[in-house]
Amino acid sequence: MYNPALRELHRDQLAEVIPLKQETSLLDWLESNNRLIPREILEEENPLGDDVEISELMGVEDNSYEEEEESLA
């Protein structure tokens, strides 16, 4: 099997120091190789519209608790 990235050194030999690259992050590598695809900005649509209140969605009036308190007193 031929793989130029692999090489064999004798056990008693000191290993060579691998030089650090300036672009060490994955994000930098993706940007430098034009492999980073920008995200499309999607606007979230509110299917009910902006004017809908929570109480309208629930179908319950807020004064039901007040009526219970008055009947207990």
PDB file of N, CA and C in Angstrom:
ATOM      1  N   MET A   1       0.850  -1.170   0.000  1.00  0.00           N
ATOM      2  CA  MET A   1       0.000   0.000   0.000  1.00  0.00           C
ATOM      3  C   MET A   1       0.898   1.237   0.000  1.00  0.00           C
ATOM      4  N   TYR A   2       0.635   2.131  -0.933  1.00  0.00           N
ATOM      5  CA  TYR A   2       1.435   3.342  -1.053  1.00  0.00           C
ATOM      6  C   TYR A   2       0.664   4.516  -0.456  1.00  0.00           C
ATOM      7  N   ASN A   3       1.235   5.117   0.562  1.00  0.00           N
ATOM      8  CA  ASN A   3       0.644   6.296   1.176  1.00  0.00           C
ATOM      9  C   ASN A   3       1.794   7.237   1.521  1.00  0.00           C
ATOM     10  N   PRO A   4       1.973   8.323   0.759  1.00  0.00           N
ATOM     11  CA  PRO A   4       3.111   9.214   0.999  1.00  0.00           C
ATOM     12  C   PRO A   4       3.023   9.973   2.325  1.00  0.00           C
ATOM     13  N   ALA A   5       1.851  10.023   2.948  1.00  0.00           N
ATOM     14  CA  ALA A   5       1.726  10.712   4.230  1.00  0.00           C
ATOM     15  C   ALA A   5       2.310   9.883   5.371  1.00  0.00           C
ATOM     16  N   LEU A   6       2.443   8.570   5.175  1.00  0.00           N
ATOM     17  CA  LEU A   6       2.993   7.695   6.203  1.00  0.00           C
ATOM     18  C   LEU A   6       4.451   7.389   5.898  1.00  0.00           C
ATOM     19  N   ARG A   7       5.253   7.368   6.929  1.00  0.00           N
ATOM     20  CA  ARG A   7       6.644   6.954   6.765  1.00  0.00           C
ATOM     21  C   ARG A   7       7.096   6.286   8.047  1.00  0.00           C
ATOM     22  N   GLU A   8       8.081   5.445   7.916  1.00  0.00           N
ATOM     23  CA  GLU A   8       8.543   4.661   9.049  1.00  0.00           C
ATOM     24  C   GLU A   8       9.876   5.215   9.535  1.00  0.00           C
ATOM     25  N   LEU A   9       9.978   5.412  10.840  1.00  0.00           N
ATOM     26  CA  LEU A   9      11.221   5.851  11.457  1.00  0.00           C
ATOM     27  C   LEU A   9      11.640   4.796  12.468  1.00  0.00           C
ATOM     28  N   HIS A  10      12.934   4.720  12.693  1.00  0.00           N
ATOM     29  CA  HIS A  10      13.442   3.779  13.677  1.00  0.00           C
ATOM     30  C   HIS A  10      13.019   4.226  15.069  1.00  0.00           C
ATOM     31  N   ARG A  11      12.820   3.288  15.944  1.00  0.00           N
ATOM     32  CA  ARG A  11      12.310   3.563  17.285  1.00  0.00           C
ATOM     33  C   ARG A  11      13.226   4.501  18.068  1.00  0.00           C
ATOM     34  N   ASP A  12      14.513   4.433  17.861  1.00  0.00           N
ATOM     35  CA  ASP A  12      15.459   5.247  18.615  1.00  0.00           C
ATOM     36  C   ASP A  12      15.608   6.658  18.058  1.00  0.00           C
ATOM     37  N   GLN A  13      15.071   6.915  16.890  1.00  0.00           N
ATOM     38  CA  GLN A  13      15.174   8.242  16.285  1.00  0.00           C
ATOM     39  C   GLN A  13      14.130   9.180  16.877  1.00  0.00           C
ATOM     40  N   LEU A  14      14.510  10.447  17.017  1.00  0.00           N
ATOM     41  CA  LEU A  14      13.553  11.449  17.476  1.00  0.00           C
ATOM     42  C   LEU A  14      12.617  11.815  16.325  1.00  0.00           C
ATOM     43  N   ALA A  15      11.387  12.016  16.656  1.00  0.00           N
ATOM     44  CA  ALA A  15      10.405  12.395  15.635  1.00  0.00           C
ATOM     45  C   ALA A  15      10.582  13.861  15.270  1.00  0.00           C
ATOM     46  N   GLU A  16      10.266  14.175  14.017  1.00  0.00           N
ATOM     47  CA  GLU A  16      10.334  15.563  13.570  1.00  0.00           C
ATOM     48  C   GLU A  16       9.133  16.324  14.129  1.00  0.00           C
ATOM     49  N   VAL A  17       9.348  17.600  14.384  1.00  0.00           N
ATOM     50  CA  VAL A  17       8.270  18.443  14.887  1.00  0.00           C
ATOM     51  C   VAL A  17       7.414  18.884  13.709  1.00  0.00           C
ATOM     52  N   ILE A  18       6.116  18.703  13.847  1.00  0.00           N
ATOM     53  CA  ILE A  18       5.199  19.107  12.786  1.00  0.00           C
ATOM     54  C   ILE A  18       4.947  20.602  12.933  1.00  0.00           C
ATOM     55  N   PRO A  19       5.213  21.378  11.886  1.00  0.00           N
ATOM     56  CA  PRO A  19       5.002  22.829  11.997  1.00  0.00           C
ATOM     57  C   PRO A  19       3.509  23.159  12.062  1.00  0.00           C
ATOM     58  N   LEU A  20       3.195  24.155  12.880  1.00  0.00           N
ATOM     59  CA  LEU A  20       1.810  24.597  12.993  1.00  0.00           C
ATOM     60  C   LEU A  20       1.452  25.490  11.815  1.00  0.00           C
ATOM     61  N   LYS A  21       0.250  25.336  11.329  1.00  0.00           N
ATOM     62  CA  LYS A  21      -0.239  26.212  10.273  1.00  0.00           C
ATOM     63  C   LYS A  21      -0.966  27.379  10.923  1.00  0.00           C
ATOM     64  N   GLN A  22      -1.012  28.486  10.231  1.00  0.00           N
ATOM     65  CA  GLN A  22      -1.730  29.645  10.750  1.00  0.00           C
ATOM     66  C   GLN A  22      -3.233  29.393  10.767  1.00  0.00           C
ATOM     67  N   GLU A  23      -3.737  28.680   9.770  1.00  0.00           N
ATOM     68  CA  GLU A  23      -5.168  28.391   9.692  1.00  0.00           C
ATOM     69  C   GLU A  23      -5.438  27.056  10.391  1.00  0.00           C
ATOM     70  N   THR A  24      -5.601  27.106  11.683  1.00  0.00           N
ATOM     71  CA  THR A  24      -5.775  25.861  12.420  1.00  0.00           C
ATOM     72  C   THR A  24      -7.235  25.485  12.629  1.00  0.00           C
ATOM     73  N   SER A  25      -8.147  26.425  12.459  1.00  0.00           N
ATOM     74  CA  SER A  25      -9.544  26.086  12.721  1.00  0.00           C
ATOM     75  C   SER A  25     -10.206  25.530  11.463  1.00  0.00           C
ATOM     76  N   LEU A  26     -11.198  24.718  11.678  1.00  0.00           N
ATOM     77  CA  LEU A  26     -11.953  24.132  10.579  1.00  0.00           C
ATOM     78  C   LEU A  26     -12.697  25.208   9.802  1.00  0.00           C
ATOM     79  N   LEU A  27     -13.196  26.207  10.506  1.00  0.00           N
ATOM     80  CA  LEU A  27     -13.922  27.289   9.856  1.00  0.00           C
ATOM     81  C   LEU A  27     -13.012  28.058   8.900  1.00  0.00           C
ATOM     82  N   ASP A  28     -11.783  28.333   9.324  1.00  0.00           N
ATOM     83  CA  ASP A  28     -10.831  29.017   8.444  1.00  0.00           C
ATOM     84  C   ASP A  28     -10.516  28.181   7.217  1.00  0.00           C
ATOM     85  N   TRP A  29     -10.377  26.876   7.393  1.00  0.00           N
ATOM     86  CA  TRP A  29     -10.084  25.998   6.260  1.00  0.00           C
ATOM     87  C   TRP A  29     -11.243  25.993   5.268  1.00  0.00           C
ATOM     88  N   LEU A  30     -12.467  25.917   5.783  1.00  0.00           N
ATOM     89  CA  LEU A  30     -13.638  25.934   4.905  1.00  0.00           C
ATOM     90  C   LEU A  30     -13.727  27.245   4.132  1.00  0.00           C
ATOM     91  N   GLU A  31     -13.448  28.354   4.794  1.00  0.00           N
ATOM     92  CA  GLU A  31     -13.494  29.647   4.116  1.00  0.00           C
ATOM     93  C   GLU A  31     -12.399  29.757   3.061  1.00  0.00           C
ATOM     94  N   SER A  32     -11.207  29.289   3.358  1.00  0.00           N
ATOM     95  CA  SER A  32     -10.098  29.419   2.413  1.00  0.00           C
ATOM     96  C   SER A  32     -10.268  28.530   1.188  1.00  0.00           C
ATOM     97  N   ASN A  33     -10.986  27.430   1.315  1.00  0.00           N
ATOM     98  CA  ASN A  33     -11.220  26.531   0.182  1.00  0.00           C
ATOM     99  C   ASN A  33     -12.579  26.744  -0.474  1.00  0.00           C
ATOM    100  N   ASN A  34     -13.233  27.831  -0.135  1.00  0.00           N
ATOM    101  CA  ASN A  34     -14.552  28.167  -0.694  1.00  0.00           C
ATOM    102  C   ASN A  34     -15.550  27.034  -0.523  1.00  0.00           C
ATOM    103  N   ARG A  35     -15.526  26.405   0.615  1.00  0.00           N
ATOM    104  CA  ARG A  35     -16.459  25.310   0.891  1.00  0.00           C
ATOM    105  C   ARG A  35     -17.509  25.706   1.921  1.00  0.00           C
ATOM    106  N   LEU A  36     -17.468  26.932   2.365  1.00  0.00           N
ATOM    107  CA  LEU A  36     -18.429  27.412   3.344  1.00  0.00           C
ATOM    108  C   LEU A  36     -19.587  28.061   2.598  1.00  0.00           C
ATOM    109  N   ILE A  37     -20.767  27.516   2.776  1.00  0.00           N
ATOM    110  CA  ILE A  37     -21.947  28.022   2.083  1.00  0.00           C
ATOM    111  C   ILE A  37     -22.694  28.941   3.041  1.00  0.00           C
ATOM    112  N   PRO A  38     -22.932  30.187   2.642  1.00  0.00           N
ATOM    113  CA  PRO A  38     -23.662  31.084   3.542  1.00  0.00           C
ATOM    114  C   PRO A  38     -25.101  30.633   3.721  1.00  0.00           C
ATOM    115  N   ARG A  39     -25.604  30.824   4.901  1.00  0.00           N
ATOM    116  CA  ARG A  39     -26.968  30.442   5.219  1.00  0.00           C
ATOM    117  C   ARG A  39     -27.945  31.465   4.667  1.00  0.00           C
ATOM    118  N   GLU A  40     -29.060  30.972   4.158  1.00  0.00           N
ATOM    119  CA  GLU A  40     -30.101  31.878   3.706  1.00  0.00           C
ATOM    120  C   GLU A  40     -30.908  32.314   4.921  1.00  0.00           C
ATOM    121  N   ILE A  41     -31.175  33.597   4.993  1.00  0.00           N
ATOM    122  CA  ILE A  41     -31.947  34.114   6.112  1.00  0.00           C
ATOM    123  C   ILE A  41     -33.423  33.922   5.788  1.00  0.00           C
ATOM    124  N   LEU A  42     -34.069  33.116   6.595  1.00  0.00           N
ATOM    125  CA  LEU A  42     -35.487  32.846   6.400  1.00  0.00           C
ATOM    126  C   LEU A  42     -36.279  33.580   7.468  1.00  0.00           C
ATOM    127  N   GLU A  43     -37.288  34.287   7.025  1.00  0.00           N
ATOM    128  CA  GLU A  43     -38.154  34.970   7.975  1.00  0.00           C
ATOM    129  C   GLU A  43     -39.227  34.001   8.437  1.00  0.00           C
ATOM    130  N   GLU A  44     -39.393  33.933   9.731  1.00  0.00           N
ATOM    131  CA  GLU A  44     -40.429  33.056  10.266  1.00  0.00           C
ATOM    132  C   GLU A  44     -41.776  33.734  10.079  1.00  0.00           C
ATOM    133  N   GLU A  45     -42.667  33.027   9.440  1.00  0.00           N
ATOM    134  CA  GLU A  45     -43.993  33.579   9.220  1.00  0.00           C
ATOM    135  C   GLU A  45     -44.916  33.123  10.334  1.00  0.00           C
ATOM    136  N   ASN A  46     -45.676  34.054  10.855  1.00  0.00           N
ATOM    137  CA  ASN A  46     -46.667  33.737  11.869  1.00  0.00           C
ATOM    138  C   ASN A  46     -47.955  33.381  11.138  1.00  0.00           C
ATOM    139  N   PRO A  47     -48.367  32.117  11.150  1.00  0.00           N
ATOM    140  CA  PRO A  47     -49.550  31.721  10.381  1.00  0.00           C
ATOM    141  C   PRO A  47     -50.831  32.351  10.900  1.00  0.00           C
ATOM    142  N   LEU A  48     -50.833  32.803  12.148  1.00  0.00           N
ATOM    143  CA  LEU A  48     -52.041  33.390  12.719  1.00  0.00           C
ATOM    144  C   LEU A  48     -52.081  34.900  12.567  1.00  0.00           C
ATOM    145  N   GLY A  49     -51.004  35.500  12.156  1.00  0.00           N
ATOM    146  CA  GLY A  49     -50.946  36.950  12.033  1.00  0.00           C
ATOM    147  C   GLY A  49     -50.395  37.562  13.304  1.00  0.00           C
ATOM    148  N   ASP A  50     -50.105  38.844  13.237  1.00  0.00           N
ATOM    149  CA  ASP A  50     -49.505  39.528  14.378  1.00  0.00           C
ATOM    150  C   ASP A  50     -50.535  40.012  15.391  1.00  0.00           C
ATOM    151  N   ASP A  51     -51.803  40.101  15.015  1.00  0.00           N
ATOM    152  CA  ASP A  51     -52.815  40.704  15.870  1.00  0.00           C
ATOM    153  C   ASP A  51     -53.546  39.706  16.763  1.00  0.00           C
ATOM    154  N   VAL A  52     -53.171  38.454  16.747  1.00  0.00           N
ATOM    155  CA  VAL A  52     -53.890  37.439  17.507  1.00  0.00           C
ATOM    156  C   VAL A  52     -53.374  37.412  18.947  1.00  0.00           C
ATOM    157  N   GLU A  53     -54.291  37.466  19.896  1.00  0.00           N
ATOM    158  CA  GLU A  53     -53.939  37.410  21.310  1.00  0.00           C
ATOM    159  C   GLU A  53     -53.995  35.964  21.792  1.00  0.00           C
ATOM    160  N   ILE A  54     -53.281  35.677  22.866  1.00  0.00           N
ATOM    161  CA  ILE A  54     -53.282  34.328  23.433  1.00  0.00           C
ATOM    162  C   ILE A  54     -54.681  33.959  23.923  1.00  0.00           C
ATOM    163  N   SER A  55     -55.374  34.908  24.540  1.00  0.00           N
ATOM    164  CA  SER A  55     -56.711  34.610  25.059  1.00  0.00           C
ATOM    165  C   SER A  55     -57.669  34.233  23.929  1.00  0.00           C
ATOM    166  N   GLU A  56     -57.482  34.822  22.751  1.00  0.00           N
ATOM    167  CA  GLU A  56     -58.327  34.458  21.612  1.00  0.00           C
ATOM    168  C   GLU A  56     -58.044  33.030  21.165  1.00  0.00           C
ATOM    169  N   LEU A  57     -56.800  32.623  21.244  1.00  0.00           N
ATOM    170  CA  LEU A  57     -56.446  31.264  20.843  1.00  0.00           C
ATOM    171  C   LEU A  57     -56.993  30.243  21.836  1.00  0.00           C
ATOM    172  N   MET A  58     -56.985  30.600  23.114  1.00  0.00           N
ATOM    173  CA  MET A  58     -57.428  29.667  24.142  1.00  0.00           C
ATOM    174  C   MET A  58     -58.946  29.582  24.206  1.00  0.00           C
ATOM    175  N   GLY A  59     -59.641  30.652  23.864  1.00  0.00           N
ATOM    176  CA  GLY A  59     -61.090  30.650  23.920  1.00  0.00           C
ATOM    177  C   GLY A  59     -61.631  30.734  25.332  1.00  0.00           C
ATOM    178  N   VAL A  60     -60.815  31.181  26.274  1.00  0.00           N
ATOM    179  CA  VAL A  60     -61.222  31.278  27.676  1.00  0.00           C
ATOM    180  C   VAL A  60     -61.115  32.732  28.092  1.00  0.00           C
ATOM    181  N   GLU A  61     -62.130  33.201  28.806  1.00  0.00           N
ATOM    182  CA  GLU A  61     -62.069  34.568  29.314  1.00  0.00           C
ATOM    183  C   GLU A  61     -61.250  34.594  30.596  1.00  0.00           C
ATOM    184  N   ASP A  62     -60.628  35.732  30.861  1.00  0.00           N
ATOM    185  CA  ASP A  62     -59.743  35.856  32.020  1.00  0.00           C
ATOM    186  C   ASP A  62     -60.487  36.045  33.336  1.00  0.00           C
ATOM    187  N   ASN A  63     -61.762  36.414  33.341  1.00  0.00           N
ATOM    188  CA  ASN A  63     -62.450  36.753  34.580  1.00  0.00           C
ATOM    189  C   ASN A  63     -63.060  35.541  35.281  1.00  0.00           C
ATOM    190  N   SER A  64     -62.832  34.338  34.844  1.00  0.00           N
ATOM    191  CA  SER A  64     -63.417  33.154  35.478  1.00  0.00           C
ATOM    192  C   SER A  64     -62.878  32.947  36.889  1.00  0.00           C
ATOM    193  N   TYR A  65     -61.639  33.295  37.153  1.00  0.00           N
ATOM    194  CA  TYR A  65     -61.072  33.131  38.485  1.00  0.00           C
ATOM    195  C   TYR A  65     -61.660  34.150  39.459  1.00  0.00           C
ATOM    196  N   GLU A  66     -61.937  35.340  38.975  1.00  0.00           N
ATOM    197  CA  GLU A  66     -62.520  36.372  39.831  1.00  0.00           C
ATOM    198  C   GLU A  66     -63.912  35.958  40.298  1.00  0.00           C
ATOM    199  N   GLU A  67     -64.686  35.326  39.432  1.00  0.00           N
ATOM    200  CA  GLU A  67     -66.030  34.888  39.793  1.00  0.00           C
ATOM    201  C   GLU A  67     -65.981  33.810  40.877  1.00  0.00           C
ATOM    202  N   GLU A  68     -65.013  32.910  40.811  1.00  0.00           N
ATOM    203  CA  GLU A  68     -64.879  31.856  41.818  1.00  0.00           C
ATOM    204  C   GLU A  68     -64.524  32.440  43.177  1.00  0.00           C
ATOM    205  N   GLU A  69     -63.655  33.445  43.205  1.00  0.00           N
ATOM    206  CA  GLU A  69     -63.248  34.065  44.462  1.00  0.00           C
ATOM    207  C   GLU A  69     -64.428  34.777  45.120  1.00  0.00           C
ATOM    208  N   GLU A  70     -65.248  35.431  44.308  1.00  0.00           N
ATOM    209  CA  GLU A  70     -66.393  36.147  44.854  1.00  0.00           C
ATOM    210  C   GLU A  70     -67.414  35.176  45.446  1.00  0.00           C
ATOM    211  N   SER A  71     -67.589  34.014  44.828  1.00  0.00           N
ATOM    212  CA  SER A  71     -68.574  33.058  45.329  1.00  0.00           C
ATOM    213  C   SER A  71     -68.104  32.391  46.624  1.00  0.00           C
ATOM    214  N   LEU A  72     -66.803  32.299  46.831  1.00  0.00           N
ATOM    215  CA  LEU A  72     -66.275  31.693  48.050  1.00  0.00           C
ATOM    216  C   LEU A  72     -66.352  32.650  49.238  1.00  0.00           C
ATOM    217  N   ALA A  73     -66.345  33.935  48.988  1.00  0.00           N
ATOM    218  CA  ALA A  73     -66.320  34.919  50.076  1.00  0.00           C
ATOM    219  C   ALA A  73     -67.644  35.136  50.730  1.00  0.00           C
TER     220      ALA A  73
END
